[in-house]
Structures are given as structure tokens and as C-alpha cells.
Amino acid sequence: SNPFDAISRPTPIGGAGYKSVWSIPYTLADGQY
């Protein structure tokens, strides 16, 4: 019943950057978001 939780990586150490990549679905129309 939980569609959200996903373990990706631990919370970054302070000062470190965090980068996440998401593949845009083909069904998502071009435009402003």
C-alpha cells in the first residue's frame, strides 16, 4: 500500500551534493513545469 518509499542512498553528508535522475515519461507533454 506504500507507493512512495524507495531506498536510493543514505542522506548525504553535510556539504555534499545530492543528484537524482528521473526519466521523463513519453506521455508527459512538452511545456512549462
PDB file of all heavy atoms in Angstrom:
ATOM      1  N   SER A   1       0.805  -1.218   0.000  1.00  0.00           N
ATOM      2  CA  SER A   1       0.000   0.000   0.000  1.00  0.00           C
ATOM      3  C   SER A   1       0.838   1.267   0.000  1.00  0.00           C
ATOM      4  O   SER A   1       0.308   2.358  -0.062  1.00  0.00           O
ATOM      5  CB  SER A   1      -0.938   0.010   1.218  1.00  0.00           C
ATOM      6  OG  SER A   1      -0.202   0.099   2.422  1.00  0.00           O
ATOM      7  N   ASN A   2       2.171   1.130   0.082  1.00  0.00           N
ATOM      8  CA  ASN A   2       3.050   2.298   0.110  1.00  0.00           C
ATOM      9  C   ASN A   2       3.717   2.469  -1.255  1.00  0.00           C
ATOM     10  O   ASN A   2       4.642   1.741  -1.589  1.00  0.00           O
ATOM     11  CB  ASN A   2       4.113   2.127   1.200  1.00  0.00           C
ATOM     12  CG  ASN A   2       4.970   3.365   1.369  1.00  0.00           C
ATOM     13  OD1 ASN A   2       5.065   4.212   0.485  1.00  0.00           O
ATOM     14  ND2 ASN A   2       5.625   3.480   2.509  1.00  0.00           N
ATOM     15  N   PRO A   3       3.258   3.444  -2.076  1.00  0.00           N
ATOM     16  CA  PRO A   3       3.815   3.594  -3.433  1.00  0.00           C
ATOM     17  C   PRO A   3       5.014   4.511  -3.506  1.00  0.00           C
ATOM     18  O   PRO A   3       5.566   4.705  -4.594  1.00  0.00           O
ATOM     19  CB  PRO A   3       2.631   4.213  -4.190  1.00  0.00           C
ATOM     20  CG  PRO A   3       1.983   5.104  -3.174  1.00  0.00           C
ATOM     21  CD  PRO A   3       2.129   4.382  -1.837  1.00  0.00           C
ATOM     22  N   PHE A   4       5.435   5.098  -2.380  1.00  0.00           N
ATOM     23  CA  PHE A   4       6.441   6.144  -2.436  1.00  0.00           C
ATOM     24  C   PHE A   4       7.825   5.706  -2.006  1.00  0.00           C
ATOM     25  O   PHE A   4       8.808   6.008  -2.669  1.00  0.00           O
ATOM     26  CB  PHE A   4       6.020   7.335  -1.553  1.00  0.00           C
ATOM     27  CG  PHE A   4       4.779   8.027  -2.045  1.00  0.00           C
ATOM     28  CD1 PHE A   4       3.612   7.987  -1.299  1.00  0.00           C
ATOM     29  CD2 PHE A   4       4.774   8.718  -3.241  1.00  0.00           C
ATOM     30  CE1 PHE A   4       2.471   8.623  -1.743  1.00  0.00           C
ATOM     31  CE2 PHE A   4       3.633   9.355  -3.700  1.00  0.00           C
ATOM     32  CZ  PHE A   4       2.480   9.305  -2.948  1.00  0.00           C
ATOM     33  N   ASP A   5       7.932   5.031  -0.876  1.00  0.00           N
ATOM     34  CA  ASP A   5       9.241   4.780  -0.285  1.00  0.00           C
ATOM     35  C   ASP A   5      10.122   3.964  -1.214  1.00  0.00           C
ATOM     36  O   ASP A   5       9.740   2.915  -1.703  1.00  0.00           O
ATOM     37  CB  ASP A   5       9.102   4.025   1.043  1.00  0.00           C
ATOM     38  CG  ASP A   5       8.627   4.936   2.151  1.00  0.00           C
ATOM     39  OD1 ASP A   5       8.407   6.136   1.894  1.00  0.00           O
ATOM     40  OD2 ASP A   5       8.484   4.449   3.270  1.00  0.00           O
ATOM     41  N   ALA A   6      11.321   4.463  -1.448  1.00  0.00           N
ATOM     42  CA  ALA A   6      12.341   3.730  -2.205  1.00  0.00           C
ATOM     43  C   ALA A   6      13.688   4.066  -1.606  1.00  0.00           C
ATOM     44  O   ALA A   6      13.994   5.232  -1.366  1.00  0.00           O
ATOM     45  CB  ALA A   6      12.299   4.116  -3.678  1.00  0.00           C
ATOM     46  N   ILE A   7      14.473   3.044  -1.317  1.00  0.00           N
ATOM     47  CA  ILE A   7      15.791   3.283  -0.750  1.00  0.00           C
ATOM     48  C   ILE A   7      16.756   3.560  -1.891  1.00  0.00           C
ATOM     49  O   ILE A   7      17.034   2.700  -2.716  1.00  0.00           O
ATOM     50  CB  ILE A   7      16.269   2.067   0.065  1.00  0.00           C
ATOM     51  CG1 ILE A   7      15.311   1.809   1.226  1.00  0.00           C
ATOM     52  CG2 ILE A   7      17.682   2.276   0.586  1.00  0.00           C
ATOM     53  CD1 ILE A   7      15.608   0.550   1.994  1.00  0.00           C
ATOM     54  N   SER A   8      17.242   4.787  -1.964  1.00  0.00           N
ATOM     55  CA  SER A   8      18.158   5.140  -3.039  1.00  0.00           C
ATOM     56  C   SER A   8      19.580   5.212  -2.520  1.00  0.00           C
ATOM     57  O   SER A   8      20.476   4.549  -3.009  1.00  0.00           O
ATOM     58  CB  SER A   8      17.762   6.481  -3.669  1.00  0.00           C
ATOM     59  OG  SER A   8      17.690   7.492  -2.679  1.00  0.00           O
ATOM     60  N   ARG A   9      19.795   6.009  -1.501  1.00  0.00           N
ATOM     61  CA  ARG A   9      21.121   6.135  -0.898  1.00  0.00           C
ATOM     62  C   ARG A   9      20.927   6.838   0.446  1.00  0.00           C
ATOM     63  O   ARG A   9      19.897   7.462   0.669  1.00  0.00           O
ATOM     64  CB  ARG A   9      22.045   6.944  -1.797  1.00  0.00           C
ATOM     65  CG  ARG A   9      21.666   8.401  -1.944  1.00  0.00           C
ATOM     66  CD  ARG A   9      22.553   9.115  -2.945  1.00  0.00           C
ATOM     67  NE  ARG A   9      22.199   8.788  -4.304  1.00  0.00           N
ATOM     68  CZ  ARG A   9      22.827   9.290  -5.372  1.00  0.00           C
ATOM     69  NH1 ARG A   9      23.841  10.097  -5.201  1.00  0.00           N
ATOM     70  NH2 ARG A   9      22.447   8.974  -6.580  1.00  0.00           N
ATOM     71  N   PRO A  10      21.893   6.742   1.347  1.00  0.00           N
ATOM     72  CA  PRO A  10      21.761   7.447   2.623  1.00  0.00           C
ATOM     73  C   PRO A  10      21.710   8.954   2.414  1.00  0.00           C
ATOM     74  O   PRO A  10      22.150   9.475   1.385  1.00  0.00           O
ATOM     75  CB  PRO A  10      23.024   7.043   3.385  1.00  0.00           C
ATOM     76  CG  PRO A  10      23.495   5.799   2.727  1.00  0.00           C
ATOM     77  CD  PRO A  10      23.112   5.923   1.289  1.00  0.00           C
ATOM     78  N   THR A  11      21.164   9.662   3.398  1.00  0.00           N
ATOM     79  CA  THR A  11      21.172  11.119   3.349  1.00  0.00           C
ATOM     80  C   THR A  11      22.607  11.611   3.203  1.00  0.00           C
ATOM     81  O   THR A  11      23.481  11.172   3.935  1.00  0.00           O
ATOM     82  CB  THR A  11      20.554  11.705   4.631  1.00  0.00           C
ATOM     83  OG1 THR A  11      19.215  11.214   4.757  1.00  0.00           O
ATOM     84  CG2 THR A  11      20.545  13.218   4.584  1.00  0.00           C
ATOM     85  N   PRO A  12      22.873  12.485   2.242  1.00  0.00           N
ATOM     86  CA  PRO A  12      24.260  12.924   2.024  1.00  0.00           C
ATOM     87  C   PRO A  12      24.838  13.602   3.257  1.00  0.00           C
ATOM     88  O   PRO A  12      24.135  14.237   4.038  1.00  0.00           O
ATOM     89  CB  PRO A  12      24.131  13.928   0.867  1.00  0.00           C
ATOM     90  CG  PRO A  12      22.844  13.602   0.209  1.00  0.00           C
ATOM     91  CD  PRO A  12      21.942  13.102   1.286  1.00  0.00           C
ATOM     92  N   ILE A  13      26.126  13.465   3.431  1.00  0.00           N
ATOM     93  CA  ILE A  13      26.825  14.164   4.497  1.00  0.00           C
ATOM     94  C   ILE A  13      26.746  15.656   4.227  1.00  0.00           C
ATOM     95  O   ILE A  13      26.783  16.100   3.082  1.00  0.00           O
ATOM     96  CB  ILE A  13      28.302  13.700   4.560  1.00  0.00           C
ATOM     97  CG1 ILE A  13      28.354  12.210   4.894  1.00  0.00           C
ATOM     98  CG2 ILE A  13      29.100  14.504   5.571  1.00  0.00           C
ATOM     99  CD1 ILE A  13      29.750  11.624   4.806  1.00  0.00           C
ATOM    100  N   GLY A  14      26.632  16.444   5.283  1.00  0.00           N
ATOM    101  CA  GLY A  14      26.551  17.889   5.131  1.00  0.00           C
ATOM    102  C   GLY A  14      27.660  18.432   4.252  1.00  0.00           C
ATOM    103  O   GLY A  14      28.827  18.100   4.428  1.00  0.00           O
ATOM    104  N   GLY A  15      27.292  19.268   3.285  1.00  0.00           N
ATOM    105  CA  GLY A  15      28.268  19.832   2.378  1.00  0.00           C
ATOM    106  C   GLY A  15      28.375  19.074   1.075  1.00  0.00           C
ATOM    107  O   GLY A  15      28.897  19.597   0.083  1.00  0.00           O
ATOM    108  N   ALA A  16      27.886  17.826   1.046  1.00  0.00           N
ATOM    109  CA  ALA A  16      27.937  17.034  -0.180  1.00  0.00           C
ATOM    110  C   ALA A  16      26.695  17.303  -1.022  1.00  0.00           C
ATOM    111  O   ALA A  16      25.629  17.603  -0.511  1.00  0.00           O
ATOM    112  CB  ALA A  16      28.037  15.551   0.150  1.00  0.00           C
ATOM    113  N   GLY A  17      26.847  17.196  -2.326  1.00  0.00           N
ATOM    114  CA  GLY A  17      25.708  17.391  -3.207  1.00  0.00           C
ATOM    115  C   GLY A  17      24.902  16.115  -3.354  1.00  0.00           C
ATOM    116  O   GLY A  17      25.394  15.016  -3.127  1.00  0.00           O
ATOM    117  N   TYR A  18      23.653  16.264  -3.726  1.00  0.00           N
ATOM    118  CA  TYR A  18      22.777  15.117  -3.979  1.00  0.00           C
ATOM    119  C   TYR A  18      22.218  15.265  -5.377  1.00  0.00           C
ATOM    120  O   TYR A  18      21.672  16.308  -5.735  1.00  0.00           O
ATOM    121  CB  TYR A  18      21.644  15.055  -2.957  1.00  0.00           C
ATOM    122  CG  TYR A  18      20.722  13.872  -3.161  1.00  0.00           C
ATOM    123  CD1 TYR A  18      20.999  12.639  -2.576  1.00  0.00           C
ATOM    124  CD2 TYR A  18      19.586  13.983  -3.943  1.00  0.00           C
ATOM    125  CE1 TYR A  18      20.156  11.551  -2.763  1.00  0.00           C
ATOM    126  CE2 TYR A  18      18.739  12.904  -4.139  1.00  0.00           C
ATOM    127  CZ  TYR A  18      19.034  11.684  -3.548  1.00  0.00           C
ATOM    128  OH  TYR A  18      18.210  10.613  -3.743  1.00  0.00           O
ATOM    129  N   LYS A  19      22.347  14.213  -6.185  1.00  0.00           N
ATOM    130  CA  LYS A  19      21.882  14.242  -7.566  1.00  0.00           C
ATOM    131  C   LYS A  19      20.948  13.076  -7.807  1.00  0.00           C
ATOM    132  O   LYS A  19      21.250  11.937  -7.456  1.00  0.00           O
ATOM    133  CB  LYS A  19      23.069  14.172  -8.527  1.00  0.00           C
ATOM    134  CG  LYS A  19      22.688  14.222  -9.998  1.00  0.00           C
ATOM    135  CD  LYS A  19      23.939  14.165 -10.869  1.00  0.00           C
ATOM    136  CE  LYS A  19      23.592  14.225 -12.350  1.00  0.00           C
ATOM    137  NZ  LYS A  19      24.808  14.147 -13.204  1.00  0.00           N
ATOM    138  N   SER A  20      19.808  13.357  -8.404  1.00  0.00           N
ATOM    139  CA  SER A  20      18.847  12.314  -8.721  1.00  0.00           C
ATOM    140  C   SER A  20      18.447  12.447 -10.185  1.00  0.00           C
ATOM    141  O   SER A  20      18.286  13.555 -10.690  1.00  0.00           O
ATOM    142  CB  SER A  20      17.603  12.442  -7.829  1.00  0.00           C
ATOM    143  OG  SER A  20      16.661  11.439  -8.145  1.00  0.00           O
ATOM    144  N   VAL A  21      18.307  11.318 -10.859  1.00  0.00           N
ATOM    145  CA  VAL A  21      17.942  11.304 -12.273  1.00  0.00           C
ATOM    146  C   VAL A  21      16.574  10.664 -12.414  1.00  0.00           C
ATOM    147  O   VAL A  21      16.305   9.602 -11.846  1.00  0.00           O
ATOM    148  CB  VAL A  21      18.975  10.525 -13.108  1.00  0.00           C
ATOM    149  CG1 VAL A  21      18.565  10.494 -14.571  1.00  0.00           C
ATOM    150  CG2 VAL A  21      20.354  11.138 -12.964  1.00  0.00           C
ATOM    151  N   TRP A  22      15.704  11.318 -13.169  1.00  0.00           N
ATOM    152  CA  TRP A  22      14.356  10.815 -13.420  1.00  0.00           C
ATOM    153  C   TRP A  22      14.099  10.799 -14.914  1.00  0.00           C
ATOM    154  O   TRP A  22      14.310  11.816 -15.589  1.00  0.00           O
ATOM    155  CB  TRP A  22      13.323  11.700 -12.709  1.00  0.00           C
ATOM    156  CG  TRP A  22      11.893  11.285 -12.929  1.00  0.00           C
ATOM    157  CD1 TRP A  22      11.319  10.104 -12.575  1.00  0.00           C
ATOM    158  CD2 TRP A  22      10.860  12.054 -13.551  1.00  0.00           C
ATOM    159  NE1 TRP A  22       9.995  10.097 -12.925  1.00  0.00           N
ATOM    160  CE2 TRP A  22       9.684  11.278 -13.527  1.00  0.00           C
ATOM    161  CE3 TRP A  22      10.817  13.328 -14.117  1.00  0.00           C
ATOM    162  CZ2 TRP A  22       8.476  11.733 -14.058  1.00  0.00           C
ATOM    163  CZ3 TRP A  22       9.619  13.787 -14.640  1.00  0.00           C
ATOM    164  CH2 TRP A  22       8.455  12.994 -14.608  1.00  0.00           C
ATOM    165  N   SER A  23      13.676   9.666 -15.428  1.00  0.00           N
ATOM    166  CA  SER A  23      13.368   9.558 -16.852  1.00  0.00           C
ATOM    167  C   SER A  23      11.978  10.121 -17.121  1.00  0.00           C
ATOM    168  O   SER A  23      10.986   9.646 -16.558  1.00  0.00           O
ATOM    169  CB  SER A  23      13.427   8.094 -17.305  1.00  0.00           C
ATOM    170  OG  SER A  23      14.732   7.582 -17.195  1.00  0.00           O
ATOM    171  N   ILE A  24      11.900  11.135 -17.975  1.00  0.00           N
ATOM    172  CA  ILE A  24      10.626  11.778 -18.284  1.00  0.00           C
ATOM    173  C   ILE A  24       9.760  10.820 -19.099  1.00  0.00           C
ATOM    174  O   ILE A  24      10.188  10.331 -20.152  1.00  0.00           O
ATOM    175  CB  ILE A  24      10.850  13.076 -19.080  1.00  0.00           C
ATOM    176  CG1 ILE A  24      11.728  14.043 -18.272  1.00  0.00           C
ATOM    177  CG2 ILE A  24       9.522  13.726 -19.446  1.00  0.00           C
ATOM    178  CD1 ILE A  24      12.148  15.276 -19.045  1.00  0.00           C
ATOM    179  N   PRO A  25       8.550  10.517 -18.645  1.00  0.00           N
ATOM    180  CA  PRO A  25       7.688   9.607 -19.418  1.00  0.00           C
ATOM    181  C   PRO A  25       7.345  10.208 -20.778  1.00  0.00           C
ATOM    182  O   PRO A  25       7.179  11.420 -20.928  1.00  0.00           O
ATOM    183  CB  PRO A  25       6.433   9.488 -18.543  1.00  0.00           C
ATOM    184  CG  PRO A  25       6.852   9.920 -17.181  1.00  0.00           C
ATOM    185  CD  PRO A  25       7.921  10.941 -17.395  1.00  0.00           C
ATOM    186  N   TYR A  26       7.229   9.342 -21.793  1.00  0.00           N
ATOM    187  CA  TYR A  26       6.857   9.822 -23.118  1.00  0.00           C
ATOM    188  C   TYR A  26       5.465  10.435 -23.124  1.00  0.00           C
ATOM    189  O   TYR A  26       5.132  11.253 -23.982  1.00  0.00           O
ATOM    190  CB  TYR A  26       6.924   8.670 -24.124  1.00  0.00           C
ATOM    191  CG  TYR A  26       8.328   8.214 -24.424  1.00  0.00           C
ATOM    192  CD1 TYR A  26       8.784   6.989 -23.956  1.00  0.00           C
ATOM    193  CD2 TYR A  26       9.192   9.006 -25.177  1.00  0.00           C
ATOM    194  CE1 TYR A  26      10.083   6.562 -24.225  1.00  0.00           C
ATOM    195  CE2 TYR A  26      10.481   8.589 -25.450  1.00  0.00           C
ATOM    196  CZ  TYR A  26      10.918   7.365 -24.976  1.00  0.00           C
ATOM    197  OH  TYR A  26      12.198   6.958 -25.244  1.00  0.00           O
ATOM    198  N   THR A  27       4.620  10.045 -22.166  1.00  0.00           N
ATOM    199  CA  THR A  27       3.245  10.559 -22.106  1.00  0.00           C
ATOM    200  C   THR A  27       3.170  11.960 -21.510  1.00  0.00           C
ATOM    201  O   THR A  27       2.104  12.572 -21.532  1.00  0.00           O
ATOM    202  CB  THR A  27       2.371   9.608 -21.275  1.00  0.00           C
ATOM    203  OG1 THR A  27       2.970   9.424 -19.982  1.00  0.00           O
ATOM    204  CG2 THR A  27       2.260   8.253 -21.955  1.00  0.00           C
ATOM    205  N   LEU A  28       4.271  12.446 -20.958  1.00  0.00           N
ATOM    206  CA  LEU A  28       4.264  13.782 -20.358  1.00  0.00           C
ATOM    207  C   LEU A  28       4.488  14.816 -21.454  1.00  0.00           C
ATOM    208  O   LEU A  28       5.521  14.818 -22.129  1.00  0.00           O
ATOM    209  CB  LEU A  28       5.357  13.891 -19.294  1.00  0.00           C
ATOM    210  CG  LEU A  28       5.291  15.109 -18.366  1.00  0.00           C
ATOM    211  CD1 LEU A  28       4.019  15.076 -17.531  1.00  0.00           C
ATOM    212  CD2 LEU A  28       6.505  15.149 -17.459  1.00  0.00           C
ATOM    213  N   ALA A  29       3.517  15.702 -21.641  1.00  0.00           N
ATOM    214  CA  ALA A  29       3.559  16.660 -22.746  1.00  0.00           C
ATOM    215  C   ALA A  29       4.653  17.696 -22.546  1.00  0.00           C
ATOM    216  O   ALA A  29       5.014  18.030 -21.412  1.00  0.00           O
ATOM    217  CB  ALA A  29       2.210  17.358 -22.878  1.00  0.00           C
ATOM    218  N   ASP A  30       5.189  18.207 -23.638  1.00  0.00           N
ATOM    219  CA  ASP A  30       6.126  19.319 -23.551  1.00  0.00           C
ATOM    220  C   ASP A  30       5.433  20.531 -22.948  1.00  0.00           C
ATOM    221  O   ASP A  30       4.220  20.710 -23.089  1.00  0.00           O
ATOM    222  CB  ASP A  30       6.658  19.686 -24.943  1.00  0.00           C
ATOM    223  CG  ASP A  30       7.575  18.616 -25.517  1.00  0.00           C
ATOM    224  OD1 ASP A  30       7.937  17.705 -24.762  1.00  0.00           O
ATOM    225  OD2 ASP A  30       7.906  18.696 -26.713  1.00  0.00           O
ATOM    226  N   GLY A  31       6.197  21.368 -22.262  1.00  0.00           N
ATOM    227  CA  GLY A  31       5.605  22.572 -21.687  1.00  0.00           C
ATOM    228  C   GLY A  31       6.351  23.028 -20.446  1.00  0.00           C
ATOM    229  O   GLY A  31       7.452  22.572 -20.147  1.00  0.00           O
ATOM    230  N   GLN A  32       5.706  23.941 -19.717  1.00  0.00           N
ATOM    231  CA  GLN A  32       6.292  24.528 -18.519  1.00  0.00           C
ATOM    232  C   GLN A  32       5.871  23.733 -17.280  1.00  0.00           C
ATOM    233  O   GLN A  32       4.692  23.417 -17.110  1.00  0.00           O
ATOM    234  CB  GLN A  32       5.837  25.987 -18.372  1.00  0.00           C
ATOM    235  CG  GLN A  32       6.210  26.879 -19.546  1.00  0.00           C
ATOM    236  CD  GLN A  32       7.707  27.051 -19.675  1.00  0.00           C
ATOM    237  OE1 GLN A  32       8.427  27.156 -18.679  1.00  0.00           O
ATOM    238  NE2 GLN A  32       8.207  27.098 -20.915  1.00  0.00           N
ATOM    239  N   TYR A  33       6.830  23.427 -16.431  1.00  0.00           N
ATOM    240  CA  TYR A  33       6.570  22.676 -15.212  1.00  0.00           C
ATOM    241  C   TYR A  33       7.302  23.333 -14.035  1.00  0.00           C
ATOM    242  O   TYR A  33       8.133  24.227 -14.226  1.00  0.00           O
ATOM    243  CB  TYR A  33       7.021  21.222 -15.358  1.00  0.00           C
ATOM    244  CG  TYR A  33       6.194  20.431 -16.338  1.00  0.00           C
ATOM    245  CD1 TYR A  33       6.519  20.425 -17.701  1.00  0.00           C
ATOM    246  CD2 TYR A  33       5.086  19.710 -15.921  1.00  0.00           C
ATOM    247  CE1 TYR A  33       5.759  19.712 -18.617  1.00  0.00           C
ATOM    248  CE2 TYR A  33       4.317  18.991 -16.820  1.00  0.00           C
ATOM    249  CZ  TYR A  33       4.655  18.995 -18.173  1.00  0.00           C
ATOM    250  OH  TYR A  33       3.891  18.292 -19.066  1.00  0.00           O
TER     251      TYR A  33
END
